[in-house]
Amino acid sequence: MLGPVVDEQTRCIHYHTPLDVIAIKFACCGEYYACHLCHAEAAGHAARAWPLGEQDARAVLCGVCGAELSITEYLGVDSCPHCGAAFNPGCRLHSHLYFESAPPGSA
C-alpha cells in the first residue's frame, strides 16, 4: 500500500472514517493506493482510470479481510462480499476517478 496510510485497514490521512476500508489498484501503475489524493501526492505521475473493457480486473482491496474484488464486483455491492465490512457510500462520488463508466443512456 503506497501513500500516507494511517492504519492496517487502508485508511489514509485524507479518508479515515470507520467505513474507509478499501484501496484501489491504479490502472496507470498497478499499485494500490488508499485514495486518489494519496496517488496524486506519492505516485509521481498522472492517474489513469480503468477502461470499461477491463472491469473484470481485480483492482479493489478490502482493508479488513484482504480480499481483492473485481471492479464490477465492487461497484455492485455496499460491503465486502467476503467479510461483510461496510464500504463508505461516499466513495461512489469519486468512482469516475478510478473507473471509466458508460455515458448515461448508453446502456
PDB file of N, CA and C in Angstrom:
ATOM      1  N   MET A   1       0.854  -1.165   0.000  1.00  0.00           N
ATOM      2  CA  MET A   1       0.000   0.000   0.000  1.00  0.00           C
ATOM      3  C   MET A   1       0.901   1.229   0.000  1.00  0.00           C
ATOM      4  N   LEU A   2       0.681   2.102  -0.958  1.00  0.00           N
ATOM      5  CA  LEU A   2       1.504   3.299  -1.069  1.00  0.00           C
ATOM      6  C   LEU A   2       0.711   4.538  -0.653  1.00  0.00           C
ATOM      7  N   GLY A   3       1.443   5.586  -0.306  1.00  0.00           N
ATOM      8  CA  GLY A   3       0.808   6.825   0.124  1.00  0.00           C
ATOM      9  C   GLY A   3       0.744   6.925   1.638  1.00  0.00           C
ATOM     10  N   PRO A   4       0.186   8.021   2.149  1.00  0.00           N
ATOM     11  CA  PRO A   4       0.139   8.256   3.599  1.00  0.00           C
ATOM     12  C   PRO A   4      -0.990   7.484   4.292  1.00  0.00           C
ATOM     13  N   VAL A   5      -0.800   6.168   4.399  1.00  0.00           N
ATOM     14  CA  VAL A   5      -1.780   5.290   5.039  1.00  0.00           C
ATOM     15  C   VAL A   5      -1.584   5.378   6.549  1.00  0.00           C
ATOM     16  N   VAL A   6      -2.710   5.413   7.284  1.00  0.00           N
ATOM     17  CA  VAL A   6      -2.598   5.589   8.734  1.00  0.00           C
ATOM     18  C   VAL A   6      -2.911   4.340   9.550  1.00  0.00           C
ATOM     19  N   ASP A   7      -3.451   3.298   8.918  1.00  0.00           N
ATOM     20  CA  ASP A   7      -3.675   2.067   9.682  1.00  0.00           C
ATOM     21  C   ASP A   7      -3.659   0.848   8.767  1.00  0.00           C
ATOM     22  N   GLU A   8      -3.766  -0.321   9.381  1.00  0.00           N
ATOM     23  CA  GLU A   8      -3.663  -1.581   8.642  1.00  0.00           C
ATOM     24  C   GLU A   8      -4.908  -1.900   7.827  1.00  0.00           C
ATOM     25  N   GLN A   9      -5.965  -1.098   7.936  1.00  0.00           N
ATOM     26  CA  GLN A   9      -7.184  -1.339   7.160  1.00  0.00           C
ATOM     27  C   GLN A   9      -7.325  -0.365   5.996  1.00  0.00           C
ATOM     28  N   THR A  10      -6.233   0.218   5.550  1.00  0.00           N
ATOM     29  CA  THR A  10      -6.104   1.082   4.369  1.00  0.00           C
ATOM     30  C   THR A  10      -6.623   2.502   4.543  1.00  0.00           C
ATOM     31  N   ARG A  11      -6.931   2.927   5.747  1.00  0.00           N
ATOM     32  CA  ARG A  11      -7.339   4.322   5.929  1.00  0.00           C
ATOM     33  C   ARG A  11      -6.121   5.218   5.706  1.00  0.00           C
ATOM     34  N   CYS A  12      -6.378   6.419   5.212  1.00  0.00           N
ATOM     35  CA  CYS A  12      -5.276   7.334   4.923  1.00  0.00           C
ATOM     36  C   CYS A  12      -5.531   8.680   5.603  1.00  0.00           C
ATOM     37  N   ILE A  13      -4.614   9.602   5.414  1.00  0.00           N
ATOM     38  CA  ILE A  13      -4.771  10.917   6.048  1.00  0.00           C
ATOM     39  C   ILE A  13      -5.938  11.697   5.461  1.00  0.00           C
ATOM     40  N   HIS A  14      -6.386  11.325   4.261  1.00  0.00           N
ATOM     41  CA  HIS A  14      -7.480  12.038   3.598  1.00  0.00           C
ATOM     42  C   HIS A  14      -8.853  11.472   3.956  1.00  0.00           C
ATOM     43  N   TYR A  15      -8.941  10.146   4.027  1.00  0.00           N
ATOM     44  CA  TYR A  15     -10.209   9.456   4.293  1.00  0.00           C
ATOM     45  C   TYR A  15      -9.955   8.412   5.371  1.00  0.00           C
ATOM     46  N   HIS A  16     -10.502   8.637   6.563  1.00  0.00           N
ATOM     47  CA  HIS A  16     -10.190   7.750   7.685  1.00  0.00           C
ATOM     48  C   HIS A  16     -11.372   7.502   8.623  1.00  0.00           C
ATOM     49  N   THR A  17     -12.578   7.430   8.055  1.00  0.00           N
ATOM     50  CA  THR A  17     -13.735   7.070   8.874  1.00  0.00           C
ATOM     51  C   THR A  17     -13.741   5.552   9.048  1.00  0.00           C
ATOM     52  N   PRO A  18     -14.579   5.037   9.917  1.00  0.00           N
ATOM     53  CA  PRO A  18     -14.669   3.577  10.068  1.00  0.00           C
ATOM     54  C   PRO A  18     -15.031   2.845   8.766  1.00  0.00           C
ATOM     55  N   LEU A  19     -15.663   3.539   7.809  1.00  0.00           N
ATOM     56  CA  LEU A  19     -16.074   2.906   6.558  1.00  0.00           C
ATOM     57  C   LEU A  19     -15.030   3.010   5.445  1.00  0.00           C
ATOM     58  N   ASP A  20     -13.952   3.714   5.665  1.00  0.00           N
ATOM     59  CA  ASP A  20     -12.924   3.893   4.636  1.00  0.00           C
ATOM     60  C   ASP A  20     -11.919   2.739   4.688  1.00  0.00           C
ATOM     61  N   VAL A  21     -12.362   1.596   4.162  1.00  0.00           N
ATOM     62  CA  VAL A  21     -11.558   0.373   4.280  1.00  0.00           C
ATOM     63  C   VAL A  21     -11.264  -0.284   2.935  1.00  0.00           C
ATOM     64  N   ILE A  22     -11.145   0.505   1.880  1.00  0.00           N
ATOM     65  CA  ILE A  22     -10.723  -0.083   0.614  1.00  0.00           C
ATOM     66  C   ILE A  22      -9.517   0.678   0.075  1.00  0.00           C
ATOM     67  N   ALA A  23      -8.789   0.009  -0.767  1.00  0.00           N
ATOM     68  CA  ALA A  23      -7.705   0.633  -1.525  1.00  0.00           C
ATOM     69  C   ALA A  23      -7.942   0.283  -2.983  1.00  0.00           C
ATOM     70  N   ILE A  24      -7.475   1.149  -3.858  1.00  0.00           N
ATOM     71  CA  ILE A  24      -7.672   0.977  -5.292  1.00  0.00           C
ATOM     72  C   ILE A  24      -6.324   0.718  -5.956  1.00  0.00           C
ATOM     73  N   LYS A  25      -6.280  -0.310  -6.805  1.00  0.00           N
ATOM     74  CA  LYS A  25      -5.108  -0.528  -7.652  1.00  0.00           C
ATOM     75  C   LYS A  25      -5.293   0.384  -8.868  1.00  0.00           C
ATOM     76  N   PHE A  26      -4.368   1.281  -9.091  1.00  0.00           N
ATOM     77  CA  PHE A  26      -4.489   2.232 -10.190  1.00  0.00           C
ATOM     78  C   PHE A  26      -4.053   1.600 -11.505  1.00  0.00           C
ATOM     79  N   ALA A  27      -4.833   1.851 -12.542  1.00  0.00           N
ATOM     80  CA  ALA A  27      -4.562   1.279 -13.865  1.00  0.00           C
ATOM     81  C   ALA A  27      -3.230   1.752 -14.427  1.00  0.00           C
ATOM     82  N   CYS A  28      -2.826   2.952 -14.088  1.00  0.00           N
ATOM     83  CA  CYS A  28      -1.613   3.537 -14.650  1.00  0.00           C
ATOM     84  C   CYS A  28      -0.333   2.871 -14.155  1.00  0.00           C
ATOM     85  N   CYS A  29      -0.346   2.360 -12.934  1.00  0.00           N
ATOM     86  CA  CYS A  29       0.893   1.836 -12.357  1.00  0.00           C
ATOM     87  C   CYS A  29       0.751   0.456 -11.715  1.00  0.00           C
ATOM     88  N   GLY A  30      -0.492  -0.018 -11.558  1.00  0.00           N
ATOM     89  CA  GLY A  30      -0.682  -1.330 -10.942  1.00  0.00           C
ATOM     90  C   GLY A  30      -0.392  -1.361  -9.458  1.00  0.00           C
ATOM     91  N   GLU A  31      -0.362  -0.213  -8.825  1.00  0.00           N
ATOM     92  CA  GLU A  31      -0.078  -0.117  -7.389  1.00  0.00           C
ATOM     93  C   GLU A  31      -1.341   0.261  -6.630  1.00  0.00           C
ATOM     94  N   TYR A  32      -1.456  -0.259  -5.407  1.00  0.00           N
ATOM     95  CA  TYR A  32      -2.583   0.079  -4.541  1.00  0.00           C
ATOM     96  C   TYR A  32      -2.306   1.365  -3.768  1.00  0.00           C
ATOM     97  N   TYR A  33      -3.300   2.258  -3.805  1.00  0.00           N
ATOM     98  CA  TYR A  33      -3.299   3.473  -3.003  1.00  0.00           C
ATOM     99  C   TYR A  33      -4.643   3.545  -2.285  1.00  0.00           C
ATOM    100  N   ALA A  34      -4.668   4.191  -1.113  1.00  0.00           N
ATOM    101  CA  ALA A  34      -5.904   4.297  -0.348  1.00  0.00           C
ATOM    102  C   ALA A  34      -6.917   5.219  -1.022  1.00  0.00           C
ATOM    103  N   CYS A  35      -6.451   6.210  -1.788  1.00  0.00           N
ATOM    104  CA  CYS A  35      -7.372   7.133  -2.455  1.00  0.00           C
ATOM    105  C   CYS A  35      -6.672   7.872  -3.583  1.00  0.00           C
ATOM    106  N   HIS A  36      -7.449   8.636  -4.327  1.00  0.00           N
ATOM    107  CA  HIS A  36      -6.903   9.410  -5.449  1.00  0.00           C
ATOM    108  C   HIS A  36      -5.943  10.491  -4.980  1.00  0.00           C
ATOM    109  N   LEU A  37      -6.169  11.042  -3.802  1.00  0.00           N
ATOM    110  CA  LEU A  37      -5.276  12.074  -3.282  1.00  0.00           C
ATOM    111  C   LEU A  37      -3.927  11.487  -2.879  1.00  0.00           C
ATOM    112  N   CYS A  38      -3.944  10.294  -2.313  1.00  0.00           N
ATOM    113  CA  CYS A  38      -2.687   9.609  -1.980  1.00  0.00           C
ATOM    114  C   CYS A  38      -1.872   9.365  -3.251  1.00  0.00           C
ATOM    115  N   HIS A  39      -2.555   8.903  -4.309  1.00  0.00           N
ATOM    116  CA  HIS A  39      -1.873   8.666  -5.584  1.00  0.00           C
ATOM    117  C   HIS A  39      -1.294   9.970  -6.120  1.00  0.00           C
ATOM    118  N   ALA A  40      -2.063  11.036  -6.096  1.00  0.00           N
ATOM    119  CA  ALA A  40      -1.606  12.323  -6.616  1.00  0.00           C
ATOM    120  C   ALA A  40      -0.365  12.819  -5.873  1.00  0.00           C
ATOM    121  N   GLU A  41      -0.320  12.583  -4.572  1.00  0.00           N
ATOM    122  CA  GLU A  41       0.800  13.060  -3.760  1.00  0.00           C
ATOM    123  C   GLU A  41       2.042  12.198  -3.861  1.00  0.00           C
ATOM    124  N   ALA A  42       1.865  10.892  -4.097  1.00  0.00           N
ATOM    125  CA  ALA A  42       3.008   9.988  -3.979  1.00  0.00           C
ATOM    126  C   ALA A  42       3.459   9.305  -5.267  1.00  0.00           C
ATOM    127  N   ALA A  43       2.613   9.220  -6.272  1.00  0.00           N
ATOM    128  CA  ALA A  43       2.933   8.393  -7.437  1.00  0.00           C
ATOM    129  C   ALA A  43       3.959   9.006  -8.386  1.00  0.00           C
ATOM    130  N   GLY A  44       3.941  10.318  -8.526  1.00  0.00           N
ATOM    131  CA  GLY A  44       4.876  10.941  -9.452  1.00  0.00           C
ATOM    132  C   GLY A  44       4.426  10.888 -10.906  1.00  0.00           C
ATOM    133  N   HIS A  45       3.175  10.543 -11.143  1.00  0.00           N
ATOM    134  CA  HIS A  45       2.610  10.521 -12.496  1.00  0.00           C
ATOM    135  C   HIS A  45       1.101  10.726 -12.406  1.00  0.00           C
ATOM    136  N   ALA A  46       0.499  11.059 -13.532  1.00  0.00           N
ATOM    137  CA  ALA A  46      -0.948  11.275 -13.563  1.00  0.00           C
ATOM    138  C   ALA A  46      -1.695   9.952 -13.445  1.00  0.00           C
ATOM    139  N   ALA A  47      -2.823   9.995 -12.787  1.00  0.00           N
ATOM    140  CA  ALA A  47      -3.667   8.805 -12.648  1.00  0.00           C
ATOM    141  C   ALA A  47      -4.390   8.527 -13.965  1.00  0.00           C
ATOM    142  N   ARG A  48      -4.682   7.251 -14.180  1.00  0.00           N
ATOM    143  CA  ARG A  48      -5.475   6.837 -15.335  1.00  0.00           C
ATOM    144  C   ARG A  48      -6.558   5.900 -14.826  1.00  0.00           C
ATOM    145  N   ALA A  49      -7.802   6.159 -15.239  1.00  0.00           N
ATOM    146  CA  ALA A  49      -8.931   5.314 -14.821  1.00  0.00           C
ATOM    147  C   ALA A  49      -8.889   3.981 -15.565  1.00  0.00           C
ATOM    148  N   TRP A  50      -9.424   2.947 -14.913  1.00  0.00           N
ATOM    149  CA  TRP A  50      -9.540   1.640 -15.558  1.00  0.00           C
ATOM    150  C   TRP A  50     -10.536   1.748 -16.712  1.00  0.00           C
ATOM    151  N   PRO A  51     -10.177   1.268 -17.899  1.00  0.00           N
ATOM    152  CA  PRO A  51     -11.098   1.311 -19.040  1.00  0.00           C
ATOM    153  C   PRO A  51     -12.311   0.417 -18.819  1.00  0.00           C
ATOM    154  N   LEU A  52     -13.401   0.758 -19.485  1.00  0.00           N
ATOM    155  CA  LEU A  52     -14.636  -0.038 -19.388  1.00  0.00           C
ATOM    156  C   LEU A  52     -14.383  -1.498 -19.705  1.00  0.00           C
ATOM    157  N   GLY A  53     -13.549  -1.785 -20.658  1.00  0.00           N
ATOM    158  CA  GLY A  53     -13.280  -3.159 -21.073  1.00  0.00           C
ATOM    159  C   GLY A  53     -12.472  -3.977 -20.079  1.00  0.00           C
ATOM    160  N   GLU A  54     -12.018  -3.364 -19.014  1.00  0.00           N
ATOM    161  CA  GLU A  54     -11.217  -4.077 -18.011  1.00  0.00           C
ATOM    162  C   GLU A  54     -11.909  -4.133 -16.651  1.00  0.00           C
ATOM    163  N   GLN A  55     -13.219  -4.097 -16.649  1.00  0.00           N
ATOM    164  CA  GLN A  55     -13.976  -4.088 -15.389  1.00  0.00           C
ATOM    165  C   GLN A  55     -13.876  -5.408 -14.616  1.00  0.00           C
ATOM    166  N   ASP A  56     -13.325  -6.452 -15.250  1.00  0.00           N
ATOM    167  CA  ASP A  56     -13.133  -7.707 -14.538  1.00  0.00           C
ATOM    168  C   ASP A  56     -11.797  -7.748 -13.793  1.00  0.00           C
ATOM    169  N   ALA A  57     -10.990  -6.694 -13.911  1.00  0.00           N
ATOM    170  CA  ALA A  57      -9.706  -6.634 -13.213  1.00  0.00           C
ATOM    171  C   ALA A  57      -9.920  -6.598 -11.706  1.00  0.00           C
ATOM    172  N   ARG A  58      -9.092  -7.334 -10.987  1.00  0.00           N
ATOM    173  CA  ARG A  58      -9.117  -7.301  -9.527  1.00  0.00           C
ATOM    174  C   ARG A  58      -8.346  -6.054  -9.107  1.00  0.00           C
ATOM    175  N   ALA A  59      -9.088  -4.993  -8.792  1.00  0.00           N
ATOM    176  CA  ALA A  59      -8.460  -3.698  -8.553  1.00  0.00           C
ATOM    177  C   ALA A  59      -8.931  -3.006  -7.285  1.00  0.00           C
ATOM    178  N   VAL A  60      -9.678  -3.710  -6.432  1.00  0.00           N
ATOM    179  CA  VAL A  60     -10.149  -3.122  -5.181  1.00  0.00           C
ATOM    180  C   VAL A  60      -9.788  -4.078  -4.048  1.00  0.00           C
ATOM    181  N   LEU A  61      -9.125  -3.551  -3.047  1.00  0.00           N
ATOM    182  CA  LEU A  61      -8.668  -4.346  -1.914  1.00  0.00           C
ATOM    183  C   LEU A  61      -9.487  -3.999  -0.678  1.00  0.00           C
ATOM    184  N   CYS A  62     -10.094  -5.008  -0.061  1.00  0.00           N
ATOM    185  CA  CYS A  62     -10.778  -4.795   1.221  1.00  0.00           C
ATOM    186  C   CYS A  62      -9.704  -4.744   2.301  1.00  0.00           C
ATOM    187  N   GLY A  63      -9.638  -3.628   3.000  1.00  0.00           N
ATOM    188  CA  GLY A  63      -8.645  -3.470   4.041  1.00  0.00           C
ATOM    189  C   GLY A  63      -8.932  -4.270   5.296  1.00  0.00           C
ATOM    190  N   VAL A  64     -10.149  -4.784   5.427  1.00  0.00           N
ATOM    191  CA  VAL A  64     -10.497  -5.571   6.615  1.00  0.00           C
ATOM    192  C   VAL A  64     -10.019  -7.013   6.469  1.00  0.00           C
ATOM    193  N   CYS A  65     -10.349  -7.650   5.340  1.00  0.00           N
ATOM    194  CA  CYS A  65     -10.003  -9.066   5.183  1.00  0.00           C
ATOM    195  C   CYS A  65      -8.923  -9.340   4.136  1.00  0.00           C
ATOM    196  N   GLY A  66      -8.570  -8.327   3.328  1.00  0.00           N
ATOM    197  CA  GLY A  66      -7.533  -8.509   2.320  1.00  0.00           C
ATOM    198  C   GLY A  66      -8.016  -9.088   1.002  1.00  0.00           C
ATOM    199  N   ALA A  67      -9.318  -9.272   0.848  1.00  0.00           N
ATOM    200  CA  ALA A  67      -9.852  -9.809  -0.411  1.00  0.00           C
ATOM    201  C   ALA A  67      -9.680  -8.786  -1.526  1.00  0.00           C
ATOM    202  N   GLU A  68      -9.338  -9.284  -2.716  1.00  0.00           N
ATOM    203  CA  GLU A  68      -9.269  -8.434  -3.895  1.00  0.00           C
ATOM    204  C   GLU A  68     -10.549  -8.634  -4.696  1.00  0.00           C
ATOM    205  N   LEU A  69     -11.252  -7.540  -4.955  1.00  0.00           N
ATOM    206  CA  LEU A  69     -12.507  -7.588  -5.693  1.00  0.00           C
ATOM    207  C   LEU A  69     -12.290  -7.086  -7.108  1.00  0.00           C
ATOM    208  N   SER A  70     -13.061  -7.630  -8.037  1.00  0.00           N
ATOM    209  CA  SER A  70     -13.042  -7.066  -9.381  1.00  0.00           C
ATOM    210  C   SER A  70     -13.766  -5.722  -9.327  1.00  0.00           C
ATOM    211  N   ILE A  71     -13.536  -4.909 -10.321  1.00  0.00           N
ATOM    212  CA  ILE A  71     -14.199  -3.608 -10.382  1.00  0.00           C
ATOM    213  C   ILE A  71     -15.711  -3.800 -10.439  1.00  0.00           C
ATOM    214  N   THR A  72     -16.164  -4.711 -11.289  1.00  0.00           N
ATOM    215  CA  THR A  72     -17.599  -4.988 -11.408  1.00  0.00           C
ATOM    216  C   THR A  72     -18.177  -5.438 -10.077  1.00  0.00           C
ATOM    217  N   GLU A  73     -17.486  -6.326  -9.413  1.00  0.00           N
ATOM    218  CA  GLU A  73     -17.947  -6.832  -8.115  1.00  0.00           C
ATOM    219  C   GLU A  73     -18.057  -5.685  -7.106  1.00  0.00           C
ATOM    220  N   TYR A  74     -17.025  -4.866  -7.014  1.00  0.00           N
ATOM    221  CA  TYR A  74     -17.022  -3.751  -6.072  1.00  0.00           C
ATOM    222  C   TYR A  74     -18.148  -2.759  -6.355  1.00  0.00           C
ATOM    223  N   LEU A  75     -18.334  -2.413  -7.623  1.00  0.00           N
ATOM    224  CA  LEU A  75     -19.357  -1.429  -7.968  1.00  0.00           C
ATOM    225  C   LEU A  75     -20.772  -1.932  -7.726  1.00  0.00           C
ATOM    226  N   GLY A  76     -20.927  -3.242  -7.545  1.00  0.00           N
ATOM    227  CA  GLY A  76     -22.249  -3.813  -7.335  1.00  0.00           C
ATOM    228  C   GLY A  76     -22.605  -4.092  -5.889  1.00  0.00           C
ATOM    229  N   VAL A  77     -21.746  -3.719  -4.952  1.00  0.00           N
ATOM    230  CA  VAL A  77     -22.001  -4.034  -3.545  1.00  0.00           C
ATOM    231  C   VAL A  77     -21.811  -2.807  -2.656  1.00  0.00           C
ATOM    232  N   ASP A  78     -22.335  -2.893  -1.436  1.00  0.00           N
ATOM    233  CA  ASP A  78     -22.155  -1.844  -0.430  1.00  0.00           C
ATOM    234  C   ASP A  78     -21.228  -2.300   0.694  1.00  0.00           C
ATOM    235  N   SER A  79     -20.876  -3.581   0.655  1.00  0.00           N
ATOM    236  CA  SER A  79     -19.990  -4.140   1.671  1.00  0.00           C
ATOM    237  C   SER A  79     -19.188  -5.274   1.051  1.00  0.00           C
ATOM    238  N   CYS A  80     -18.167  -5.691   1.729  1.00  0.00           N
ATOM    239  CA  CYS A  80     -17.307  -6.755   1.212  1.00  0.00           C
ATOM    240  C   CYS A  80     -18.078  -8.068   1.158  1.00  0.00           C
ATOM    241  N   PRO A  81     -18.124  -8.720  -0.007  1.00  0.00           N
ATOM    242  CA  PRO A  81     -18.833  -9.997  -0.104  1.00  0.00           C
ATOM    243  C   PRO A  81     -18.113 -11.135   0.619  1.00  0.00           C
ATOM    244  N   HIS A  82     -16.887 -10.905   1.059  1.00  0.00           N
ATOM    245  CA  HIS A  82     -16.109 -11.934   1.737  1.00  0.00           C
ATOM    246  C   HIS A  82     -16.216 -11.847   3.258  1.00  0.00           C
ATOM    247  N   CYS A  83     -16.150 -10.610   3.807  1.00  0.00           N
ATOM    248  CA  CYS A  83     -16.167 -10.472   5.266  1.00  0.00           C
ATOM    249  C   CYS A  83     -17.329  -9.638   5.788  1.00  0.00           C
ATOM    250  N   GLY A  84     -18.066  -8.966   4.904  1.00  0.00           N
ATOM    251  CA  GLY A  84     -19.212  -8.172   5.320  1.00  0.00           C
ATOM    252  C   GLY A  84     -18.894  -6.761   5.767  1.00  0.00           C
ATOM    253  N   ALA A  85     -17.620  -6.358   5.723  1.00  0.00           N
ATOM    254  CA  ALA A  85     -17.266  -4.995   6.130  1.00  0.00           C
ATOM    255  C   ALA A  85     -17.972  -3.984   5.235  1.00  0.00           C
ATOM    256  N   ALA A  86     -18.604  -3.002   5.843  1.00  0.00           N
ATOM    257  CA  ALA A  86     -19.318  -1.967   5.091  1.00  0.00           C
ATOM    258  C   ALA A  86     -18.318  -1.023   4.440  1.00  0.00           C
ATOM    259  N   PHE A  87     -18.626  -0.622   3.192  1.00  0.00           N
ATOM    260  CA  PHE A  87     -17.815   0.334   2.459  1.00  0.00           C
ATOM    261  C   PHE A  87     -18.465   1.708   2.537  1.00  0.00           C
ATOM    262  N   ASN A  88     -17.660   2.746   2.447  1.00  0.00           N
ATOM    263  CA  ASN A  88     -18.153   4.118   2.501  1.00  0.00           C
ATOM    264  C   ASN A  88     -18.975   4.418   1.245  1.00  0.00           C
ATOM    265  N   PRO A  89     -20.275   4.712   1.394  1.00  0.00           N
ATOM    266  CA  PRO A  89     -21.092   5.014   0.212  1.00  0.00           C
ATOM    267  C   PRO A  89     -20.653   6.290  -0.499  1.00  0.00           C
ATOM    268  N   GLY A  90     -19.966   7.180   0.192  1.00  0.00           N
ATOM    269  CA  GLY A  90     -19.465   8.399  -0.421  1.00  0.00           C
ATOM    270  C   GLY A  90     -18.385   8.155  -1.461  1.00  0.00           C
ATOM    271  N   CYS A  91     -17.760   6.987  -1.421  1.00  0.00           N
ATOM    272  CA  CYS A  91     -16.726   6.667  -2.408  1.00  0.00           C
ATOM    273  C   CYS A  91     -17.288   6.646  -3.825  1.00  0.00           C
ATOM    274  N   ARG A  92     -18.566   6.389  -3.964  1.00  0.00           N
ATOM    275  CA  ARG A  92     -19.178   6.368  -5.297  1.00  0.00           C
ATOM    276  C   ARG A  92     -19.064   7.724  -5.987  1.00  0.00           C
ATOM    277  N   LEU A  93     -18.971   8.786  -5.209  1.00  0.00           N
ATOM    278  CA  LEU A  93     -18.821  10.121  -5.776  1.00  0.00           C
ATOM    279  C   LEU A  93     -17.494  10.285  -6.512  1.00  0.00           C
ATOM    280  N   HIS A  94     -16.517   9.460  -6.163  1.00  0.00           N
ATOM    281  CA  HIS A  94     -15.189   9.537  -6.771  1.00  0.00           C
ATOM    282  C   HIS A  94     -14.915   8.398  -7.744  1.00  0.00           C
ATOM    283  N   SER A  95     -15.871   7.535  -7.994  1.00  0.00           N
ATOM    284  CA  SER A  95     -15.588   6.341  -8.800  1.00  0.00           C
ATOM    285  C   SER A  95     -15.085   6.687 -10.200  1.00  0.00           C
ATOM    286  N   HIS A  96     -15.520   7.815 -10.757  1.00  0.00           N
ATOM    287  CA  HIS A  96     -15.061   8.217 -12.095  1.00  0.00           C
ATOM    288  C   HIS A  96     -13.554   8.494 -12.130  1.00  0.00           C
ATOM    289  N   LEU A  97     -12.950   8.765 -10.982  1.00  0.00           N
ATOM    290  CA  LEU A  97     -11.514   8.986 -10.930  1.00  0.00           C
ATOM    291  C   LEU A  97     -10.738   7.683 -11.052  1.00  0.00           C
ATOM    292  N   TYR A  98     -11.400   6.573 -10.762  1.00  0.00           N
ATOM    293  CA  TYR A  98     -10.754   5.261 -10.767  1.00  0.00           C
ATOM    294  C   TYR A  98     -11.195   4.372 -11.926  1.00  0.00           C
ATOM    295  N   PHE A  99     -12.479   4.473 -12.284  1.00  0.00           N
ATOM    296  CA  PHE A  99     -13.077   3.556 -13.255  1.00  0.00           C
ATOM    297  C   PHE A  99     -13.873   4.323 -14.298  1.00  0.00           C
ATOM    298  N   GLU A 100     -13.608   4.058 -15.585  1.00  0.00           N
ATOM    299  CA  GLU A 100     -14.425   4.647 -16.625  1.00  0.00           C
ATOM    300  C   GLU A 100     -15.830   4.083 -16.514  1.00  0.00           C
ATOM    301  N   SER A 101     -16.814   4.882 -16.866  1.00  0.00           N
ATOM    302  CA  SER A 101     -18.188   4.396 -16.851  1.00  0.00           C
ATOM    303  C   SER A 101     -18.852   4.781 -18.165  1.00  0.00           C
ATOM    304  N   ALA A 102     -19.899   4.054 -18.494  1.00  0.00           N
ATOM    305  CA  ALA A 102     -20.636   4.333 -19.720  1.00  0.00           C
ATOM    306  C   ALA A 102     -21.396   5.640 -19.556  1.00  0.00           C
ATOM    307  N   PRO A 103     -21.492   6.436 -20.602  1.00  0.00           N
ATOM    308  CA  PRO A 103     -22.278   7.672 -20.520  1.00  0.00           C
ATOM    309  C   PRO A 103     -23.743   7.349 -20.232  1.00  0.00           C
ATOM    310  N   PRO A 104     -24.447   8.227 -19.540  1.00  0.00           N
ATOM    311  CA  PRO A 104     -25.872   7.992 -19.242  1.00  0.00           C
ATOM    312  C   PRO A 104     -26.647   7.737 -20.544  1.00  0.00           C
ATOM    313  N   GLY A 105     -27.546   6.775 -20.486  1.00  0.00           N
ATOM    314  CA  GLY A 105     -28.387   6.461 -21.632  1.00  0.00           C
ATOM    315  C   GLY A 105     -27.737   5.579 -22.680  1.00  0.00           C
ATOM    316  N   SER A 106     -26.515   5.108 -22.427  1.00  0.00           N
ATOM    317  CA  SER A 106     -25.833   4.294 -23.425  1.00  0.00           C
ATOM    318  C   SER A 106     -26.032   2.802 -23.212  1.00  0.00           C
ATOM    319  N   ALA A 107     -26.738   2.421 -22.182  1.00  0.00           N
ATOM    320  CA  ALA A 107     -26.896   1.004 -21.863  1.00  0.00           C
ATOM    321  C   ALA A 107     -27.863   0.318 -22.813  1.00  0.00           C
TER     322      ALA A 107
END
